[in-house]
């Protein structure tokens, strides 16, 4: 979906982070948009008295364990997506995004406490 790590870095990460490339950001949002549910405070279904959103961006490196697990998860899922019928690929991409978020937060979220070294 987003290409190999080197492609992603060259196509999206560097242009967006270093140069504020809005074209690359727009393209990235278009690619991941179908896989992300976004709710706005303006939606009537959202509680009206939510506090203002506060975002803090902190860039950190993955640990060695996280990086290995991240790469393996991406590789395994891309292999499965290539074998899957077209109608099942969307769900596999959603599952991949969830797994990658878990890995980035802490590998135990994906593996379970007893498997984390």
PDB file of N, CA and C in Angstrom:
ATOM      1  N   UNK A   1       0.831  -1.197   0.000  1.00  0.00           N
ATOM      2  CA  UNK A   1       0.000   0.000   0.000  1.00  0.00           C
ATOM      3  C   UNK A   1       0.870   1.253   0.000  1.00  0.00           C
ATOM      4  N   UNK A   2       1.883   1.294   0.868  1.00  0.00           N
ATOM      5  CA  UNK A   2       2.743   2.473   0.955  1.00  0.00           C
ATOM      6  C   UNK A   2       4.163   2.208   0.481  1.00  0.00           C
ATOM      7  N   UNK A   3       4.424   1.007  -0.005  1.00  0.00           N
ATOM      8  CA  UNK A   3       5.736   0.686  -0.540  1.00  0.00           C
ATOM      9  C   UNK A   3       6.715   0.245   0.533  1.00  0.00           C
ATOM     10  N   UNK A   4       7.895  -0.100   0.095  1.00  0.00           N
ATOM     11  CA  UNK A   4       8.956  -0.510   1.003  1.00  0.00           C
ATOM     12  C   UNK A   4       9.406   0.689   1.835  1.00  0.00           C
ATOM     13  N   UNK A   5      10.146   0.421   2.906  1.00  0.00           N
ATOM     14  CA  UNK A   5      10.575   1.470   3.823  1.00  0.00           C
ATOM     15  C   UNK A   5      11.366   2.576   3.114  1.00  0.00           C
ATOM     16  N   UNK A   6      12.312   2.203   2.260  1.00  0.00           N
ATOM     17  CA  UNK A   6      13.119   3.213   1.554  1.00  0.00           C
ATOM     18  C   UNK A   6      12.254   4.070   0.635  1.00  0.00           C
ATOM     19  N   UNK A   7      11.320   3.424  -0.066  1.00  0.00           N
ATOM     20  CA  UNK A   7      10.414   4.170  -0.941  1.00  0.00           C
ATOM     21  C   UNK A   7       9.570   5.137  -0.115  1.00  0.00           C
ATOM     22  N   UNK A   8       9.018   4.654   0.998  1.00  0.00           N
ATOM     23  CA  UNK A   8       8.178   5.494   1.844  1.00  0.00           C
ATOM     24  C   UNK A   8       8.970   6.698   2.363  1.00  0.00           C
ATOM     25  N   UNK A   9      10.198   6.447   2.796  1.00  0.00           N
ATOM     26  CA  UNK A   9      11.037   7.532   3.318  1.00  0.00           C
ATOM     27  C   UNK A   9      11.274   8.593   2.239  1.00  0.00           C
ATOM     28  N   UNK A  10      11.632   8.141   1.023  1.00  0.00           N
ATOM     29  CA  UNK A  10      11.923   9.081  -0.062  1.00  0.00           C
ATOM     30  C   UNK A  10      10.673   9.783  -0.588  1.00  0.00           C
ATOM     31  N   UNK A  11       9.571   9.042  -0.681  1.00  0.00           N
ATOM     32  CA  UNK A  11       8.347   9.586  -1.290  1.00  0.00           C
ATOM     33  C   UNK A  11       7.531  10.434  -0.324  1.00  0.00           C
ATOM     34  N   UNK A  12       7.508  10.052   0.967  1.00  0.00           N
ATOM     35  CA  UNK A  12       6.626  10.728   1.914  1.00  0.00           C
ATOM     36  C   UNK A  12       7.347  11.384   3.089  1.00  0.00           C
ATOM     37  N   UNK A  13       8.100  10.582   3.844  1.00  0.00           N
ATOM     38  CA  UNK A  13       8.651  11.095   5.096  1.00  0.00           C
ATOM     39  C   UNK A  13       9.550  12.316   4.905  1.00  0.00           C
ATOM     40  N   UNK A  14      10.571  12.185   4.055  1.00  0.00           N
ATOM     41  CA  UNK A  14      11.501  13.306   3.871  1.00  0.00           C
ATOM     42  C   UNK A  14      10.825  14.541   3.271  1.00  0.00           C
ATOM     43  N   UNK A  15      10.065  14.395   2.191  1.00  0.00           N
ATOM     44  CA  UNK A  15       9.421  15.587   1.632  1.00  0.00           C
ATOM     45  C   UNK A  15       8.466  16.274   2.612  1.00  0.00           C
ATOM     46  N   UNK A  16       7.742  15.488   3.405  1.00  0.00           N
ATOM     47  CA  UNK A  16       6.772  16.072   4.332  1.00  0.00           C
ATOM     48  C   UNK A  16       7.470  16.693   5.535  1.00  0.00           C
ATOM     49  N   UNK A  17       8.393  15.948   6.160  1.00  0.00           N
ATOM     50  CA  UNK A  17       9.041  16.434   7.377  1.00  0.00           C
ATOM     51  C   UNK A  17      10.036  17.560   7.101  1.00  0.00           C
ATOM     52  N   UNK A  18      10.849  17.389   6.084  1.00  0.00           N
ATOM     53  CA  UNK A  18      11.904  18.381   5.837  1.00  0.00           C
ATOM     54  C   UNK A  18      11.421  19.605   5.068  1.00  0.00           C
ATOM     55  N   UNK A  19      10.545  19.374   4.102  1.00  0.00           N
ATOM     56  CA  UNK A  19      10.200  20.463   3.190  1.00  0.00           C
ATOM     57  C   UNK A  19       8.739  20.884   3.258  1.00  0.00           C
ATOM     58  N   UNK A  20       7.972  20.241   4.121  1.00  0.00           N
ATOM     59  CA  UNK A  20       6.562  20.600   4.234  1.00  0.00           C
ATOM     60  C   UNK A  20       5.806  20.404   2.931  1.00  0.00           C
ATOM     61  N   UNK A  21       6.176  19.381   2.176  1.00  0.00           N
ATOM     62  CA  UNK A  21       5.593  19.126   0.858  1.00  0.00           C
ATOM     63  C   UNK A  21       4.118  18.734   0.984  1.00  0.00           C
ATOM     64  N   UNK A  22       3.229  19.669   0.669  1.00  0.00           N
ATOM     65  CA  UNK A  22       1.791  19.419   0.804  1.00  0.00           C
ATOM     66  C   UNK A  22       1.286  18.426  -0.233  1.00  0.00           C
ATOM     67  N   UNK A  23       1.933  18.347  -1.375  1.00  0.00           N
ATOM     68  CA  UNK A  23       1.529  17.388  -2.398  1.00  0.00           C
ATOM     69  C   UNK A  23       1.754  15.954  -1.911  1.00  0.00           C
ATOM     70  N   UNK A  24       2.907  15.705  -1.302  1.00  0.00           N
ATOM     71  CA  UNK A  24       3.202  14.375  -0.757  1.00  0.00           C
ATOM     72  C   UNK A  24       2.263  14.044   0.398  1.00  0.00           C
ATOM     73  N   UNK A  25       1.980  15.038   1.232  1.00  0.00           N
ATOM     74  CA  UNK A  25       1.067  14.828   2.353  1.00  0.00           C
ATOM     75  C   UNK A  25      -0.337  14.502   1.854  1.00  0.00           C
ATOM     76  N   UNK A  26      -0.775  15.219   0.842  1.00  0.00           N
ATOM     77  CA  UNK A  26      -2.102  14.976   0.267  1.00  0.00           C
ATOM     78  C   UNK A  26      -2.178  13.564  -0.321  1.00  0.00           C
ATOM     79  N   UNK A  27      -1.133  13.150  -1.026  1.00  0.00           N
ATOM     80  CA  UNK A  27      -1.088  11.809  -1.602  1.00  0.00           C
ATOM     81  C   UNK A  27      -1.108  10.741  -0.506  1.00  0.00           C
ATOM     82  N   UNK A  28      -0.338  10.951   0.562  1.00  0.00           N
ATOM     83  CA  UNK A  28      -0.306   9.999   1.673  1.00  0.00           C
ATOM     84  C   UNK A  28      -1.680   9.884   2.324  1.00  0.00           C
ATOM     85  N   UNK A  29      -2.321  11.016   2.569  1.00  0.00           N
ATOM     86  CA  UNK A  29      -3.661  11.004   3.170  1.00  0.00           C
ATOM     87  C   UNK A  29      -4.655  10.277   2.276  1.00  0.00           C
ATOM     88  N   UNK A  30      -4.538  10.461   0.974  1.00  0.00           N
ATOM     89  CA  UNK A  30      -5.446   9.791   0.039  1.00  0.00           C
ATOM     90  C   UNK A  30      -5.244   8.275   0.075  1.00  0.00           C
ATOM     91  N   UNK A  31      -4.006   7.840   0.259  1.00  0.00           N
ATOM     92  CA  UNK A  31      -3.726   6.397   0.289  1.00  0.00           C
ATOM     93  C   UNK A  31      -4.200   5.732   1.579  1.00  0.00           C
ATOM     94  N   UNK A  32      -4.041   6.397   2.718  1.00  0.00           N
ATOM     95  CA  UNK A  32      -4.433   5.777   3.988  1.00  0.00           C
ATOM     96  C   UNK A  32      -5.852   6.136   4.407  1.00  0.00           C
ATOM     97  N   UNK A  33      -6.415   7.165   3.813  1.00  0.00           N
ATOM     98  CA  UNK A  33      -7.756   7.626   4.175  1.00  0.00           C
ATOM     99  C   UNK A  33      -8.826   6.550   4.199  1.00  0.00           C
ATOM    100  N   UNK A  34      -8.899   5.690   3.187  1.00  0.00           N
ATOM    101  CA  UNK A  34      -9.944   4.654   3.189  1.00  0.00           C
ATOM    102  C   UNK A  34      -9.820   3.652   4.338  1.00  0.00           C
ATOM    103  N   UNK A  35      -8.690   3.629   5.012  1.00  0.00           N
ATOM    104  CA  UNK A  35      -8.469   2.659   6.079  1.00  0.00           C
ATOM    105  C   UNK A  35      -8.591   3.270   7.470  1.00  0.00           C
ATOM    106  N   UNK A  36      -8.907   4.562   7.551  1.00  0.00           N
ATOM    107  CA  UNK A  36      -8.939   5.251   8.835  1.00  0.00           C
ATOM    108  C   UNK A  36     -10.311   5.881   9.045  1.00  0.00           C
ATOM    109  N   UNK A  37     -10.902   5.603  10.203  1.00  0.00           N
ATOM    110  CA  UNK A  37     -12.160   6.230  10.576  1.00  0.00           C
ATOM    111  C   UNK A  37     -11.827   7.501  11.330  1.00  0.00           C
ATOM    112  N   UNK A  38     -12.327   8.611  10.843  1.00  0.00           N
ATOM    113  CA  UNK A  38     -12.040   9.890  11.477  1.00  0.00           C
ATOM    114  C   UNK A  38     -13.342  10.521  11.918  1.00  0.00           C
ATOM    115  N   UNK A  39     -13.417  10.858  13.185  1.00  0.00           N
ATOM    116  CA  UNK A  39     -14.592  11.534  13.722  1.00  0.00           C
ATOM    117  C   UNK A  39     -14.194  12.937  14.135  1.00  0.00           C
ATOM    118  N   UNK A  40     -15.079  13.868  13.883  1.00  0.00           N
ATOM    119  CA  UNK A  40     -14.822  15.266  14.203  1.00  0.00           C
ATOM    120  C   UNK A  40     -15.729  15.716  15.335  1.00  0.00           C
ATOM    121  N   UNK A  41     -15.280  16.710  16.087  1.00  0.00           N
ATOM    122  CA  UNK A  41     -16.126  17.259  17.140  1.00  0.00           C
ATOM    123  C   UNK A  41     -17.417  17.822  16.571  1.00  0.00           C
ATOM    124  N   UNK A  42     -17.375  18.230  15.321  1.00  0.00           N
ATOM    125  CA  UNK A  42     -18.571  18.797  14.698  1.00  0.00           C
ATOM    126  C   UNK A  42     -19.630  17.735  14.405  1.00  0.00           C
ATOM    127  N   UNK A  43     -19.254  16.461  14.455  1.00  0.00           N
ATOM    128  CA  UNK A  43     -20.226  15.386  14.270  1.00  0.00           C
ATOM    129  C   UNK A  43     -21.199  15.394  15.441  1.00  0.00           C
ATOM    130  N   UNK A  44     -22.487  15.302  15.135  1.00  0.00           N
ATOM    131  CA  UNK A  44     -23.497  15.348  16.187  1.00  0.00           C
ATOM    132  C   UNK A  44     -23.407  14.157  17.130  1.00  0.00           C
ATOM    133  N   UNK A  45     -22.816  13.081  16.682  1.00  0.00           N
ATOM    134  CA  UNK A  45     -22.714  11.885  17.520  1.00  0.00           C
ATOM    135  C   UNK A  45     -21.597  11.987  18.565  1.00  0.00           C
ATOM    136  N   UNK A  46     -20.778  13.016  18.475  1.00  0.00           N
ATOM    137  CA  UNK A  46     -19.666  13.195  19.407  1.00  0.00           C
ATOM    138  C   UNK A  46     -20.119  14.106  20.550  1.00  0.00           C
ATOM    139  N   UNK A  47     -19.692  13.787  21.748  1.00  0.00           N
ATOM    140  CA  UNK A  47     -20.082  14.571  22.920  1.00  0.00           C
ATOM    141  C   UNK A  47     -19.669  16.025  22.726  1.00  0.00           C
ATOM    142  N   UNK A  48     -20.607  16.925  23.017  1.00  0.00           N
ATOM    143  CA  UNK A  48     -20.396  18.355  22.753  1.00  0.00           C
ATOM    144  C   UNK A  48     -19.376  18.993  23.680  1.00  0.00           C
ATOM    145  N   UNK A  49     -19.175  18.446  24.853  1.00  0.00           N
ATOM    146  CA  UNK A  49     -18.298  19.121  25.816  1.00  0.00           C
ATOM    147  C   UNK A  49     -16.897  18.515  25.901  1.00  0.00           C
ATOM    148  N   UNK A  50     -16.422  17.949  24.814  1.00  0.00           N
ATOM    149  CA  UNK A  50     -15.051  17.440  24.803  1.00  0.00           C
ATOM    150  C   UNK A  50     -14.064  18.596  24.931  1.00  0.00           C
ATOM    151  N   UNK A  51     -12.959  18.385  25.631  1.00  0.00           N
ATOM    152  CA  UNK A  51     -11.950  19.455  25.713  1.00  0.00           C
ATOM    153  C   UNK A  51     -11.273  19.650  24.358  1.00  0.00           C
ATOM    154  N   UNK A  52     -10.597  20.763  24.220  1.00  0.00           N
ATOM    155  CA  UNK A  52      -9.861  21.026  22.989  1.00  0.00           C
ATOM    156  C   UNK A  52      -8.801  19.952  22.789  1.00  0.00           C
ATOM    157  N   UNK A  53      -8.608  19.585  21.560  1.00  0.00           N
ATOM    158  CA  UNK A  53      -7.618  18.565  21.225  1.00  0.00           C
ATOM    159  C   UNK A  53      -6.213  19.131  21.415  1.00  0.00           C
ATOM    160  N   UNK A  54      -5.358  18.345  22.024  1.00  0.00           N
ATOM    161  CA  UNK A  54      -3.974  18.738  22.242  1.00  0.00           C
ATOM    162  C   UNK A  54      -3.087  17.687  21.596  1.00  0.00           C
ATOM    163  N   UNK A  55      -2.253  18.094  20.657  1.00  0.00           N
ATOM    164  CA  UNK A  55      -1.349  17.166  19.979  1.00  0.00           C
ATOM    165  C   UNK A  55       0.088  17.556  20.255  1.00  0.00           C
ATOM    166  N   UNK A  56       0.870  16.569  20.647  1.00  0.00           N
ATOM    167  CA  UNK A  56       2.302  16.757  20.831  1.00  0.00           C
ATOM    168  C   UNK A  56       3.006  15.728  19.961  1.00  0.00           C
ATOM    169  N   UNK A  57       3.813  16.176  19.042  1.00  0.00           N
ATOM    170  CA  UNK A  57       4.543  15.257  18.158  1.00  0.00           C
ATOM    171  C   UNK A  57       5.922  14.998  18.748  1.00  0.00           C
ATOM    172  N   UNK A  58       6.188  13.754  19.057  1.00  0.00           N
ATOM    173  CA  UNK A  58       7.488  13.328  19.570  1.00  0.00           C
ATOM    174  C   UNK A  58       7.995  12.222  18.661  1.00  0.00           C
ATOM    175  N   UNK A  59       9.078  12.444  17.946  1.00  0.00           N
ATOM    176  CA  UNK A  59       9.640  11.431  17.054  1.00  0.00           C
ATOM    177  C   UNK A  59      10.642  10.605  17.844  1.00  0.00           C
ATOM    178  N   UNK A  60      10.434   9.303  17.858  1.00  0.00           N
ATOM    179  CA  UNK A  60      11.335   8.394  18.563  1.00  0.00           C
ATOM    180  C   UNK A  60      11.678   7.230  17.644  1.00  0.00           C
ATOM    181  N   UNK A  61      12.823   6.635  17.884  1.00  0.00           N
ATOM    182  CA  UNK A  61      13.245   5.468  17.111  1.00  0.00           C
ATOM    183  C   UNK A  61      12.625   4.216  17.719  1.00  0.00           C
ATOM    184  N   UNK A  62      12.331   3.250  16.877  1.00  0.00           N
ATOM    185  CA  UNK A  62      11.862   1.960  17.369  1.00  0.00           C
ATOM    186  C   UNK A  62      13.031   1.226  18.016  1.00  0.00           C
ATOM    187  N   UNK A  63      12.730   0.438  19.032  1.00  0.00           N
ATOM    188  CA  UNK A  63      13.772  -0.409  19.619  1.00  0.00           C
ATOM    189  C   UNK A  63      14.127  -1.486  18.592  1.00  0.00           C
ATOM    190  N   UNK A  64      15.207  -2.195  18.831  1.00  0.00           N
ATOM    191  CA  UNK A  64      15.596  -3.274  17.922  1.00  0.00           C
ATOM    192  C   UNK A  64      14.499  -4.314  17.784  1.00  0.00           C
ATOM    193  N   UNK A  65      13.902  -4.685  18.914  1.00  0.00           N
ATOM    194  CA  UNK A  65      12.816  -5.668  18.908  1.00  0.00           C
ATOM    195  C   UNK A  65      11.615  -5.147  18.115  1.00  0.00           C
ATOM    196  N   UNK A  66      11.265  -3.882  18.339  1.00  0.00           N
ATOM    197  CA  UNK A  66      10.141  -3.295  17.615  1.00  0.00           C
ATOM    198  C   UNK A  66      10.414  -3.261  16.115  1.00  0.00           C
ATOM    199  N   UNK A  67      11.622  -2.865  15.732  1.00  0.00           N
ATOM    200  CA  UNK A  67      11.961  -2.762  14.309  1.00  0.00           C
ATOM    201  C   UNK A  67      11.873  -4.126  13.623  1.00  0.00           C
ATOM    202  N   UNK A  68      12.391  -5.177  14.279  1.00  0.00           N
ATOM    203  CA  UNK A  68      12.319  -6.526  13.699  1.00  0.00           C
ATOM    204  C   UNK A  68      10.876  -6.996  13.569  1.00  0.00           C
ATOM    205  N   UNK A  69      10.095  -6.785  14.617  1.00  0.00           N
ATOM    206  CA  UNK A  69       8.700  -7.208  14.611  1.00  0.00           C
ATOM    207  C   UNK A  69       7.898  -6.412  13.580  1.00  0.00           C
ATOM    208  N   UNK A  70       8.183  -5.122  13.472  1.00  0.00           N
ATOM    209  CA  UNK A  70       7.514  -4.251  12.499  1.00  0.00           C
ATOM    210  C   UNK A  70       7.780  -4.762  11.076  1.00  0.00           C
ATOM    211  N   UNK A  71       9.047  -4.994  10.764  1.00  0.00           N
ATOM    212  CA  UNK A  71       9.434  -5.463   9.428  1.00  0.00           C
ATOM    213  C   UNK A  71       8.792  -6.821   9.110  1.00  0.00           C
ATOM    214  N   UNK A  72       8.837  -7.750  10.076  1.00  0.00           N
ATOM    215  CA  UNK A  72       8.257  -9.075   9.871  1.00  0.00           C
ATOM    216  C   UNK A  72       6.746  -8.974   9.655  1.00  0.00           C
ATOM    217  N   UNK A  73       6.090  -8.137  10.429  1.00  0.00           N
ATOM    218  CA  UNK A  73       4.642  -7.973  10.300  1.00  0.00           C
ATOM    219  C   UNK A  73       4.287  -7.400   8.938  1.00  0.00           C
ATOM    220  N   UNK A  74       5.031  -6.398   8.495  1.00  0.00           N
ATOM    221  CA  UNK A  74       4.786  -5.810   7.169  1.00  0.00           C
ATOM    222  C   UNK A  74       5.011  -6.855   6.082  1.00  0.00           C
ATOM    223  N   UNK A  75       6.140  -7.541   6.140  1.00  0.00           N
ATOM    224  CA  UNK A  75       6.460  -8.544   5.115  1.00  0.00           C
ATOM    225  C   UNK A  75       5.414  -9.652   5.065  1.00  0.00           C
ATOM    226  N   UNK A  76       5.059 -10.194   6.238  1.00  0.00           N
ATOM    227  CA  UNK A  76       4.071 -11.278   6.290  1.00  0.00           C
ATOM    228  C   UNK A  76       2.717 -10.828   5.755  1.00  0.00           C
ATOM    229  N   UNK A  77       2.308  -9.629   6.132  1.00  0.00           N
ATOM    230  CA  UNK A  77       0.998  -9.140   5.703  1.00  0.00           C
ATOM    231  C   UNK A  77       0.988  -8.828   4.213  1.00  0.00           C
ATOM    232  N   UNK A  78       2.053  -8.242   3.688  1.00  0.00           N
ATOM    233  CA  UNK A  78       2.103  -7.957   2.252  1.00  0.00           C
ATOM    234  C   UNK A  78       2.048  -9.247   1.444  1.00  0.00           C
ATOM    235  N   UNK A  79       2.701 -10.281   1.952  1.00  0.00           N
ATOM    236  CA  UNK A  79       2.643 -11.587   1.298  1.00  0.00           C
ATOM    237  C   UNK A  79       1.209 -12.117   1.301  1.00  0.00           C
ATOM    238  N   UNK A  80       0.543 -12.002   2.440  1.00  0.00           N
ATOM    239  CA  UNK A  80      -0.842 -12.474   2.562  1.00  0.00           C
ATOM    240  C   UNK A  80      -1.778 -11.661   1.676  1.00  0.00           C
ATOM    241  N   UNK A  81      -1.542 -10.363   1.581  1.00  0.00           N
ATOM    242  CA  UNK A  81      -2.382  -9.496   0.747  1.00  0.00           C
ATOM    243  C   UNK A  81      -2.250  -9.889  -0.719  1.00  0.00           C
ATOM    244  N   UNK A  82      -1.042 -10.197  -1.149  1.00  0.00           N
ATOM    245  CA  UNK A  82      -0.838 -10.589  -2.547  1.00  0.00           C
ATOM    246  C   UNK A  82      -1.566 -11.881  -2.885  1.00  0.00           C
ATOM    247  N   UNK A  83      -1.684 -12.785  -1.914  1.00  0.00           N
ATOM    248  CA  UNK A  83      -2.366 -14.059  -2.136  1.00  0.00           C
ATOM    249  C   UNK A  83      -3.880 -13.950  -1.978  1.00  0.00           C
ATOM    250  N   UNK A  84      -4.346 -12.929  -1.272  1.00  0.00           N
ATOM    251  CA  UNK A  84      -5.768 -12.815  -0.932  1.00  0.00           C
ATOM    252  C   UNK A  84      -6.599 -12.345  -2.121  1.00  0.00           C
ATOM    253  N   UNK A  85      -7.863 -12.783  -2.161  1.00  0.00           N
ATOM    254  CA  UNK A  85      -8.777 -12.245  -3.177  1.00  0.00           C
ATOM    255  C   UNK A  85      -8.943 -10.738  -2.972  1.00  0.00           C
ATOM    256  N   UNK A  86      -9.207 -10.029  -4.032  1.00  0.00           N
ATOM    257  CA  UNK A  86      -9.288  -8.568  -3.992  1.00  0.00           C
ATOM    258  C   UNK A  86     -10.219  -8.070  -2.895  1.00  0.00           C
ATOM    259  N   UNK A  87     -11.344  -8.705  -2.699  1.00  0.00           N
ATOM    260  CA  UNK A  87     -12.317  -8.256  -1.713  1.00  0.00           C
ATOM    261  C   UNK A  87     -11.860  -8.374  -0.271  1.00  0.00           C
ATOM    262  N   UNK A  88     -10.843  -9.175  -0.011  1.00  0.00           N
ATOM    263  CA  UNK A  88     -10.360  -9.373   1.358  1.00  0.00           C
ATOM    264  C   UNK A  88      -9.152  -8.499   1.691  1.00  0.00           C
ATOM    265  N   UNK A  89      -8.610  -7.840   0.723  1.00  0.00           N
ATOM    266  CA  UNK A  89      -7.380  -7.068   0.942  1.00  0.00           C
ATOM    267  C   UNK A  89      -7.607  -5.863   1.848  1.00  0.00           C
ATOM    268  N   UNK A  90      -8.743  -5.225   1.716  1.00  0.00           N
ATOM    269  CA  UNK A  90      -9.042  -4.034   2.519  1.00  0.00           C
ATOM    270  C   UNK A  90      -8.960  -4.369   4.009  1.00  0.00           C
ATOM    271  N   UNK A  91      -9.580  -5.479   4.401  1.00  0.00           N
ATOM    272  CA  UNK A  91      -9.558  -5.892   5.803  1.00  0.00           C
ATOM    273  C   UNK A  91      -8.162  -6.214   6.296  1.00  0.00           C
ATOM    274  N   UNK A  92      -7.351  -6.784   5.425  1.00  0.00           N
ATOM    275  CA  UNK A  92      -5.983  -7.111   5.823  1.00  0.00           C
ATOM    276  C   UNK A  92      -5.148  -5.846   6.020  1.00  0.00           C
ATOM    277  N   UNK A  93      -5.406  -4.834   5.219  1.00  0.00           N
ATOM    278  CA  UNK A  93      -4.685  -3.566   5.388  1.00  0.00           C
ATOM    279  C   UNK A  93      -5.091  -2.921   6.708  1.00  0.00           C
ATOM    280  N   UNK A  94      -6.385  -2.948   7.022  1.00  0.00           N
ATOM    281  CA  UNK A  94      -6.845  -2.403   8.304  1.00  0.00           C
ATOM    282  C   UNK A  94      -6.189  -3.143   9.467  1.00  0.00           C
ATOM    283  N   UNK A  95      -6.137  -4.457   9.362  1.00  0.00           N
ATOM    284  CA  UNK A  95      -5.493  -5.254  10.403  1.00  0.00           C
ATOM    285  C   UNK A  95      -4.019  -4.925  10.540  1.00  0.00           C
ATOM    286  N   UNK A  96      -3.360  -4.709   9.415  1.00  0.00           N
ATOM    287  CA  UNK A  96      -1.936  -4.352   9.437  1.00  0.00           C
ATOM    288  C   UNK A  96      -1.728  -3.027  10.162  1.00  0.00           C
ATOM    289  N   UNK A  97      -2.546  -2.032   9.856  1.00  0.00           N
ATOM    290  CA  UNK A  97      -2.405  -0.730  10.517  1.00  0.00           C
ATOM    291  C   UNK A  97      -2.559  -0.869  12.030  1.00  0.00           C
ATOM    292  N   UNK A  98      -3.514  -1.673  12.463  1.00  0.00           N
ATOM    293  CA  UNK A  98      -3.713  -1.898  13.894  1.00  0.00           C
ATOM    294  C   UNK A  98      -2.481  -2.563  14.509  1.00  0.00           C
ATOM    295  N   UNK A  99      -1.964  -3.592  13.853  1.00  0.00           N
ATOM    296  CA  UNK A  99      -0.786  -4.293  14.368  1.00  0.00           C
ATOM    297  C   UNK A  99       0.424  -3.364  14.450  1.00  0.00           C
ATOM    298  N   UNK A 100       0.613  -2.522  13.438  1.00  0.00           N
ATOM    299  CA  UNK A 100       1.766  -1.618  13.444  1.00  0.00           C
ATOM    300  C   UNK A 100       1.654  -0.599  14.574  1.00  0.00           C
ATOM    301  N   UNK A 101       0.444  -0.114  14.829  1.00  0.00           N
ATOM    302  CA  UNK A 101       0.251   0.805  15.962  1.00  0.00           C
ATOM    303  C   UNK A 101       0.587   0.101  17.275  1.00  0.00           C
ATOM    304  N   UNK A 102       0.167  -1.157  17.408  1.00  0.00           N
ATOM    305  CA  UNK A 102       0.465  -1.908  18.627  1.00  0.00           C
ATOM    306  C   UNK A 102       1.968  -2.080  18.802  1.00  0.00           C
ATOM    307  N   UNK A 103       2.655  -2.419  17.740  1.00  0.00           N
ATOM    308  CA  UNK A 103       4.109  -2.602  17.804  1.00  0.00           C
ATOM    309  C   UNK A 103       4.784  -1.303  18.219  1.00  0.00           C
ATOM    310  N   UNK A 104       4.344  -0.196  17.654  1.00  0.00           N
ATOM    311  CA  UNK A 104       4.950   1.098  17.978  1.00  0.00           C
ATOM    312  C   UNK A 104       4.696   1.493  19.431  1.00  0.00           C
ATOM    313  N   UNK A 105       3.522   1.149  19.954  1.00  0.00           N
ATOM    314  CA  UNK A 105       3.234   1.455  21.358  1.00  0.00           C
ATOM    315  C   UNK A 105       4.027   0.542  22.288  1.00  0.00           C
ATOM    316  N   UNK A 106       3.921  -0.761  22.084  1.00  0.00           N
ATOM    317  CA  UNK A 106       4.712  -1.738  22.834  1.00  0.00           C
ATOM    318  C   UNK A 106       4.459  -3.113  22.235  1.00  0.00           C
ATOM    319  N   UNK A 107       5.508  -3.873  21.936  1.00  0.00           N
ATOM    320  CA  UNK A 107       5.331  -5.192  21.316  1.00  0.00           C
ATOM    321  C   UNK A 107       4.406  -6.121  22.100  1.00  0.00           C
ATOM    322  N   UNK A 108       4.320  -5.934  23.421  1.00  0.00           N
ATOM    323  CA  UNK A 108       3.459  -6.795  24.236  1.00  0.00           C
ATOM    324  C   UNK A 108       1.997  -6.679  23.817  1.00  0.00           C
ATOM    325  N   UNK A 109       1.614  -5.553  23.258  1.00  0.00           N
ATOM    326  CA  UNK A 109       0.231  -5.386  22.812  1.00  0.00           C
ATOM    327  C   UNK A 109      -0.097  -6.329  21.667  1.00  0.00           C
ATOM    328  N   UNK A 110       0.885  -6.660  20.864  1.00  0.00           N
ATOM    329  CA  UNK A 110       0.679  -7.576  19.749  1.00  0.00           C
ATOM    330  C   UNK A 110       0.986  -9.020  20.149  1.00  0.00           C
ATOM    331  N   UNK A 111       2.070  -9.201  20.873  1.00  0.00           N
ATOM    332  CA  UNK A 111       2.562 -10.546  21.175  1.00  0.00           C
ATOM    333  C   UNK A 111       1.984 -11.156  22.439  1.00  0.00           C
ATOM    334  N   UNK A 112       1.607 -10.343  23.385  1.00  0.00           N
ATOM    335  CA  UNK A 112       1.232 -10.837  24.705  1.00  0.00           C
ATOM    336  C   UNK A 112       2.436 -10.738  25.624  1.00  0.00           C
ATOM    337  N   UNK A 113       2.196 -10.472  26.873  1.00  0.00           N
ATOM    338  CA  UNK A 113       3.267 -10.212  27.852  1.00  0.00           C
ATOM    339  C   UNK A 113       4.339 -11.292  27.896  1.00  0.00           C
ATOM    340  N   UNK A 114       3.938 -12.562  27.889  1.00  0.00           N
ATOM    341  CA  UNK A 114       4.903 -13.636  28.078  1.00  0.00           C
ATOM    342  C   UNK A 114       5.874 -13.793  26.915  1.00  0.00           C
ATOM    343  N   UNK A 115       5.543 -13.291  25.733  1.00  0.00           N
ATOM    344  CA  UNK A 115       6.409 -13.471  24.569  1.00  0.00           C
ATOM    345  C   UNK A 115       7.427 -12.353  24.398  1.00  0.00           C
ATOM    346  N   UNK A 116       7.287 -11.269  25.138  1.00  0.00           N
ATOM    347  CA  UNK A 116       8.170 -10.116  24.972  1.00  0.00           C
ATOM    348  C   UNK A 116       9.458 -10.355  25.730  1.00  0.00           C
ATOM    349  N   UNK A 117      10.594 -10.102  25.028  1.00  0.00           N
ATOM    350  CA  UNK A 117      11.898 -10.350  25.632  1.00  0.00           C
ATOM    351  C   UNK A 117      12.463  -9.188  26.210  1.00  0.00           C
TER     352      UNK A 117
END
